[in-house]
Amino acid sequence: MARIKVLDKYFEPCIANDKIQQRVAELGTAISKDYEGLNPLFLGILNGSFIFASDLFRNISVPAEISFIKLVSYKGTTSTGNVITSIGLEEQVTGRHIIITEDIIDTGKTLSSFLPQLMSQQPASVKIACFLSKPTARQFDVQPDYCGFAIPDDFVVGYGLDYDGFGRNYPDLYVLCSPQ
């Protein structure tokens, strides 16, 4: 893995795709065991989670469904603090077991804004599966039930995560570094 440039920023390798795929398979096994006989609905948060949600879903061995919603809170390399729902939930969730798939949980603002809306529809249960967690950045009480990797409060791209819309396509994860 070599250093990359995305727009005007440089990123160095952080987590290789083979390690990512191994961890996602482990999460899929754990979730499949926990949801045996429950037909869960995976709810992916777009845009960032689409790759993680897809890979995770392919590792689920129990009957399950998947859908997506779009919640937006980032511009550039920082969170705006505002969460906008630009594509809403169309599936009936009342009485369903929901597994939210999120690319990254940093401050927790996005999910803390969305969870009350979801809970008002009375699902049977709600759990969170995230690719990345930044515990030191957490400002809201949102904790993942299934987590791929805990990372420091650094800006990352790749494996679905972006910088102003670019960099999602890299299969590995990269962390922001100095231009030298």
C-alpha atoms as a PDB file:
ATOM      1  CA  MET A   1       0.000   0.000   0.000  1.00  0.00           C
ATOM      2  CA  ALA A   2       1.417   3.319  -1.070  1.00  0.00           C
ATOM      3  CA  ARG A   3       0.570   6.826   0.029  1.00  0.00           C
ATOM      4  CA  ILE A   4      -2.271   8.420  -1.984  1.00  0.00           C
ATOM      5  CA  LYS A   5      -3.487  11.910  -2.821  1.00  0.00           C
ATOM      6  CA  VAL A   6      -7.192  12.719  -2.712  1.00  0.00           C
ATOM      7  CA  LEU A   7      -7.972  16.181  -4.043  1.00  0.00           C
ATOM      8  CA  ASP A   8      -5.555  18.469  -2.143  1.00  0.00           C
ATOM      9  CA  LYS A   9      -4.727  16.103   0.760  1.00  0.00           C
ATOM     10  CA  TYR A  10      -2.313  13.210   1.260  1.00  0.00           C
ATOM     11  CA  PHE A  11      -3.161   9.961   3.016  1.00  0.00           C
ATOM     12  CA  GLU A  12      -0.985   7.107   4.207  1.00  0.00           C
ATOM     13  CA  PRO A  13      -1.971   3.450   4.560  1.00  0.00           C
ATOM     14  CA  CYS A  14      -3.821   2.551   7.729  1.00  0.00           C
ATOM     15  CA  ILE A  15      -5.641  -0.818   7.388  1.00  0.00           C
ATOM     16  CA  ALA A  16      -5.179  -3.182   4.430  1.00  0.00           C
ATOM     17  CA  ASN A  17      -8.228  -4.639   2.705  1.00  0.00           C
ATOM     18  CA  ASP A  18      -7.361  -8.245   3.587  1.00  0.00           C
ATOM     19  CA  LYS A  19      -7.483  -7.331   7.279  1.00  0.00           C
ATOM     20  CA  ILE A  20     -10.750  -5.429   6.699  1.00  0.00           C
ATOM     21  CA  GLN A  21     -12.324  -8.433   4.954  1.00  0.00           C
ATOM     22  CA  GLN A  22     -11.221 -10.771   7.739  1.00  0.00           C
ATOM     23  CA  ARG A  23     -12.797  -8.537  10.376  1.00  0.00           C
ATOM     24  CA  VAL A  24     -16.028  -8.062   8.379  1.00  0.00           C
ATOM     25  CA  ALA A  25     -16.329 -11.868   8.061  1.00  0.00           C
ATOM     26  CA  GLU A  26     -15.923 -12.170  11.853  1.00  0.00           C
ATOM     27  CA  LEU A  27     -18.682  -9.581  12.375  1.00  0.00           C
ATOM     28  CA  GLY A  28     -20.931 -11.447   9.926  1.00  0.00           C
ATOM     29  CA  THR A  29     -20.424 -14.686  11.828  1.00  0.00           C
ATOM     30  CA  ALA A  30     -21.208 -13.036  15.184  1.00  0.00           C
ATOM     31  CA  ILE A  31     -24.327 -11.279  13.864  1.00  0.00           C
ATOM     32  CA  SER A  32     -25.565 -14.452  12.156  1.00  0.00           C
ATOM     33  CA  LYS A  33     -25.246 -16.339  15.432  1.00  0.00           C
ATOM     34  CA  ASP A  34     -27.027 -13.580  17.392  1.00  0.00           C
ATOM     35  CA  TYR A  35     -29.899 -13.278  14.876  1.00  0.00           C
ATOM     36  CA  GLU A  36     -30.600 -16.943  14.145  1.00  0.00           C
ATOM     37  CA  GLY A  37     -34.334 -17.245  13.375  1.00  0.00           C
ATOM     38  CA  LEU A  38     -35.029 -13.480  13.635  1.00  0.00           C
ATOM     39  CA  ASN A  39     -34.936 -12.292   9.974  1.00  0.00           C
ATOM     40  CA  PRO A  40     -33.199  -8.963  10.718  1.00  0.00           C
ATOM     41  CA  LEU A  41     -33.432  -5.860   8.559  1.00  0.00           C
ATOM     42  CA  PHE A  42     -30.040  -4.290   7.889  1.00  0.00           C
ATOM     43  CA  LEU A  43     -30.346  -0.544   7.507  1.00  0.00           C
ATOM     44  CA  GLY A  44     -27.326   0.999   5.792  1.00  0.00           C
ATOM     45  CA  ILE A  45     -26.565   4.684   6.258  1.00  0.00           C
ATOM     46  CA  LEU A  46     -25.544   6.186   2.898  1.00  0.00           C
ATOM     47  CA  ASN A  47     -23.247   7.153   1.413  1.00  0.00           C
ATOM     48  CA  GLY A  48     -20.337   5.951   3.520  1.00  0.00           C
ATOM     49  CA  SER A  49     -21.611   2.552   4.642  1.00  0.00           C
ATOM     50  CA  PHE A  50     -22.525   1.115   1.255  1.00  0.00           C
ATOM     51  CA  ILE A  51     -19.308  -0.896   0.865  1.00  0.00           C
ATOM     52  CA  PHE A  52     -19.219  -2.074   4.491  1.00  0.00           C
ATOM     53  CA  ALA A  53     -22.957  -2.896   4.422  1.00  0.00           C
ATOM     54  CA  SER A  54     -22.551  -4.869   1.199  1.00  0.00           C
ATOM     55  CA  ASP A  55     -19.546  -6.856   2.424  1.00  0.00           C
ATOM     56  CA  LEU A  56     -21.141  -7.462   5.816  1.00  0.00           C
ATOM     57  CA  PHE A  57     -24.443  -8.559   4.262  1.00  0.00           C
ATOM     58  CA  ARG A  58     -22.619 -11.108   2.074  1.00  0.00           C
ATOM     59  CA  ASN A  59     -21.219 -12.596   5.294  1.00  0.00           C
ATOM     60  CA  ILE A  60     -24.641 -13.036   6.916  1.00  0.00           C
ATOM     61  CA  SER A  61     -25.767 -16.675   6.880  1.00  0.00           C
ATOM     62  CA  VAL A  62     -29.331 -16.232   8.210  1.00  0.00           C
ATOM     63  CA  PRO A  63     -32.396 -14.965   6.316  1.00  0.00           C
ATOM     64  CA  ALA A  64     -32.183 -11.159   6.313  1.00  0.00           C
ATOM     65  CA  GLU A  65     -33.138  -8.072   4.331  1.00  0.00           C
ATOM     66  CA  ILE A  66     -31.243  -4.871   3.583  1.00  0.00           C
ATOM     67  CA  SER A  67     -32.298  -1.302   2.880  1.00  0.00           C
ATOM     68  CA  PHE A  68     -30.623   2.109   2.898  1.00  0.00           C
ATOM     69  CA  ILE A  69     -31.283   5.643   4.092  1.00  0.00           C
ATOM     70  CA  LYS A  70     -29.195   8.744   3.586  1.00  0.00           C
ATOM     71  CA  LEU A  71     -28.163  10.902   6.528  1.00  0.00           C
ATOM     72  CA  VAL A  72     -25.653  13.695   5.892  1.00  0.00           C
ATOM     73  CA  SER A  73     -23.505  15.499   8.486  1.00  0.00           C
ATOM     74  CA  TYR A  74     -20.026  15.998   6.968  1.00  0.00           C
ATOM     75  CA  LYS A  75     -18.553  18.663   4.694  1.00  0.00           C
ATOM     76  CA  GLY A  76     -14.873  18.392   3.880  1.00  0.00           C
ATOM     77  CA  THR A  77     -12.964  16.861   6.792  1.00  0.00           C
ATOM     78  CA  THR A  78     -15.248  18.028   9.617  1.00  0.00           C
ATOM     79  CA  SER A  79     -18.771  17.385  10.828  1.00  0.00           C
ATOM     80  CA  THR A  80     -21.200  20.239  10.266  1.00  0.00           C
ATOM     81  CA  GLY A  81     -23.082  19.380  13.452  1.00  0.00           C
ATOM     82  CA  ASN A  82     -26.326  19.243  11.451  1.00  0.00           C
ATOM     83  CA  VAL A  83     -27.891  15.977  10.311  1.00  0.00           C
ATOM     84  CA  ILE A  84     -30.023  16.028   7.176  1.00  0.00           C
ATOM     85  CA  THR A  85     -32.159  13.066   6.045  1.00  0.00           C
ATOM     86  CA  SER A  86     -32.067  13.173   2.267  1.00  0.00           C
ATOM     87  CA  ILE A  87     -33.380   9.644   1.550  1.00  0.00           C
ATOM     88  CA  GLY A  88     -35.853   8.246   4.047  1.00  0.00           C
ATOM     89  CA  LEU A  89     -36.811   4.830   5.338  1.00  0.00           C
ATOM     90  CA  GLU A  90     -39.450   3.101   3.215  1.00  0.00           C
ATOM     91  CA  GLU A  91     -39.622  -0.301   4.949  1.00  0.00           C
ATOM     92  CA  GLN A  92     -42.010  -1.136   7.761  1.00  0.00           C
ATOM     93  CA  VAL A  93     -39.861  -1.528  10.891  1.00  0.00           C
ATOM     94  CA  THR A  94     -42.516  -2.074  13.564  1.00  0.00           C
ATOM     95  CA  GLY A  95     -41.723  -5.340  15.336  1.00  0.00           C
ATOM     96  CA  ARG A  96     -38.590  -5.921  13.230  1.00  0.00           C
ATOM     97  CA  HIS A  97     -35.042  -6.543  14.451  1.00  0.00           C
ATOM     98  CA  ILE A  98     -32.969  -3.708  12.967  1.00  0.00           C
ATOM     99  CA  ILE A  99     -29.207  -3.654  12.499  1.00  0.00           C
ATOM    100  CA  ILE A 100     -27.990  -0.196  11.516  1.00  0.00           C
ATOM    101  CA  THR A 101     -24.815  -0.378   9.439  1.00  0.00           C
ATOM    102  CA  GLU A 102     -22.678   2.729   9.670  1.00  0.00           C
ATOM    103  CA  ASP A 103     -19.278   3.466   8.157  1.00  0.00           C
ATOM    104  CA  ILE A 104     -17.942   5.384  11.137  1.00  0.00           C
ATOM    105  CA  ILE A 105     -19.168   6.569  14.510  1.00  0.00           C
ATOM    106  CA  ASP A 106     -17.178   9.554  15.696  1.00  0.00           C
ATOM    107  CA  THR A 107     -19.144  12.212  17.617  1.00  0.00           C
ATOM    108  CA  GLY A 108     -22.300  10.090  17.465  1.00  0.00           C
ATOM    109  CA  LYS A 109     -24.406  13.059  16.303  1.00  0.00           C
ATOM    110  CA  THR A 110     -25.780  11.378  13.176  1.00  0.00           C
ATOM    111  CA  LEU A 111     -27.161   8.348  14.982  1.00  0.00           C
ATOM    112  CA  SER A 112     -28.274  10.301  18.055  1.00  0.00           C
ATOM    113  CA  SER A 113     -30.451  12.374  15.707  1.00  0.00           C
ATOM    114  CA  PHE A 114     -31.796   9.357  13.811  1.00  0.00           C
ATOM    115  CA  LEU A 115     -32.349   6.800  16.587  1.00  0.00           C
ATOM    116  CA  PRO A 116     -35.340   8.573  18.214  1.00  0.00           C
ATOM    117  CA  GLN A 117     -37.086   8.679  14.802  1.00  0.00           C
ATOM    118  CA  LEU A 118     -36.430   4.976  14.320  1.00  0.00           C
ATOM    119  CA  MET A 119     -37.473   4.035  17.866  1.00  0.00           C
ATOM    120  CA  SER A 120     -40.785   5.887  17.440  1.00  0.00           C
ATOM    121  CA  GLN A 121     -41.696   3.224  14.870  1.00  0.00           C
ATOM    122  CA  GLN A 122     -41.402   0.526  17.582  1.00  0.00           C
ATOM    123  CA  PRO A 123     -38.899  -1.965  16.178  1.00  0.00           C
ATOM    124  CA  ALA A 124     -38.427  -5.184  18.165  1.00  0.00           C
ATOM    125  CA  SER A 125     -34.751  -4.306  18.648  1.00  0.00           C
ATOM    126  CA  VAL A 126     -32.069  -1.987  17.276  1.00  0.00           C
ATOM    127  CA  LYS A 127     -28.357  -2.730  17.206  1.00  0.00           C
ATOM    128  CA  ILE A 128     -25.525  -0.847  15.521  1.00  0.00           C
ATOM    129  CA  ALA A 129     -22.775  -2.376  13.391  1.00  0.00           C
ATOM    130  CA  CYS A 130     -20.042   0.022  12.339  1.00  0.00           C
ATOM    131  CA  PHE A 131     -16.892  -0.358  10.306  1.00  0.00           C
ATOM    132  CA  LEU A 132     -14.986   2.224  12.384  1.00  0.00           C
ATOM    133  CA  SER A 133     -15.437   3.809  15.792  1.00  0.00           C
ATOM    134  CA  LYS A 134     -13.637   6.841  17.186  1.00  0.00           C
ATOM    135  CA  PRO A 135     -14.303   6.535  20.944  1.00  0.00           C
ATOM    136  CA  THR A 136     -12.212   9.612  21.823  1.00  0.00           C
ATOM    137  CA  ALA A 137     -14.357  11.796  19.533  1.00  0.00           C
ATOM    138  CA  ARG A 138     -17.685  10.667  21.027  1.00  0.00           C
ATOM    139  CA  GLN A 139     -19.917  13.536  22.174  1.00  0.00           C
ATOM    140  CA  PHE A 140     -23.245  11.668  22.176  1.00  0.00           C
ATOM    141  CA  ASP A 141     -24.108   8.415  23.923  1.00  0.00           C
ATOM    142  CA  VAL A 142     -24.048   6.157  20.870  1.00  0.00           C
ATOM    143  CA  GLN A 143     -22.090   2.921  21.183  1.00  0.00           C
ATOM    144  CA  PRO A 144     -21.762   0.238  18.503  1.00  0.00           C
ATOM    145  CA  ASP A 145     -22.856  -3.301  19.300  1.00  0.00           C
ATOM    146  CA  TYR A 146     -20.592  -4.671  16.556  1.00  0.00           C
ATOM    147  CA  CYS A 147     -17.431  -2.782  15.605  1.00  0.00           C
ATOM    148  CA  GLY A 148     -14.864  -3.489  12.937  1.00  0.00           C
ATOM    149  CA  PHE A 149     -12.060  -1.289  14.247  1.00  0.00           C
ATOM    150  CA  ALA A 150     -11.613   1.396  16.908  1.00  0.00           C
ATOM    151  CA  ILE A 151      -9.317   4.142  15.610  1.00  0.00           C
ATOM    152  CA  PRO A 152      -7.939   7.447  16.925  1.00  0.00           C
ATOM    153  CA  ASP A 153      -9.698  10.704  16.076  1.00  0.00           C
ATOM    154  CA  ASP A 154      -7.971  10.998  12.684  1.00  0.00           C
ATOM    155  CA  PHE A 155      -9.525  11.711   9.294  1.00  0.00           C
ATOM    156  CA  VAL A 156      -9.640   8.607   7.068  1.00  0.00           C
ATOM    157  CA  VAL A 157     -10.663   7.706   3.519  1.00  0.00           C
ATOM    158  CA  GLY A 158     -11.169   4.499   1.593  1.00  0.00           C
ATOM    159  CA  TYR A 159     -13.480   1.507   1.929  1.00  0.00           C
ATOM    160  CA  GLY A 160     -16.489   3.796   1.464  1.00  0.00           C
ATOM    161  CA  LEU A 161     -15.248   6.785   3.460  1.00  0.00           C
ATOM    162  CA  ASP A 162     -14.564   9.981   1.552  1.00  0.00           C
ATOM    163  CA  TYR A 163     -13.073  13.426   1.453  1.00  0.00           C
ATOM    164  CA  ASP A 164     -15.597  15.724  -0.276  1.00  0.00           C
ATOM    165  CA  GLY A 165     -16.987  12.763  -2.212  1.00  0.00           C
ATOM    166  CA  PHE A 166     -13.633  11.346  -3.344  1.00  0.00           C
ATOM    167  CA  GLY A 167     -11.580   8.400  -2.086  1.00  0.00           C
ATOM    168  CA  ARG A 168     -14.454   6.005  -1.353  1.00  0.00           C
ATOM    169  CA  ASN A 169     -13.284   3.632  -4.074  1.00  0.00           C
ATOM    170  CA  TYR A 170      -9.985   2.647  -2.445  1.00  0.00           C
ATOM    171  CA  PRO A 171     -10.270  -0.887  -1.011  1.00  0.00           C
ATOM    172  CA  ASP A 172      -7.861  -0.110   1.858  1.00  0.00           C
ATOM    173  CA  LEU A 173      -8.221   2.481   4.610  1.00  0.00           C
ATOM    174  CA  TYR A 174      -5.937   5.538   4.614  1.00  0.00           C
ATOM    175  CA  VAL A 175      -5.295   8.209   7.229  1.00  0.00           C
ATOM    176  CA  LEU A 176      -4.665  11.916   6.595  1.00  0.00           C
ATOM    177  CA  CYS A 177      -0.978  12.847   6.754  1.00  0.00           C
ATOM    178  CA  SER A 178       1.264  15.817   6.048  1.00  0.00           C
ATOM    179  CA  PRO A 179       2.132  16.538   2.396  1.00  0.00           C
ATOM    180  CA  GLN A 180       5.886  15.779   2.781  1.00  0.00           C
END
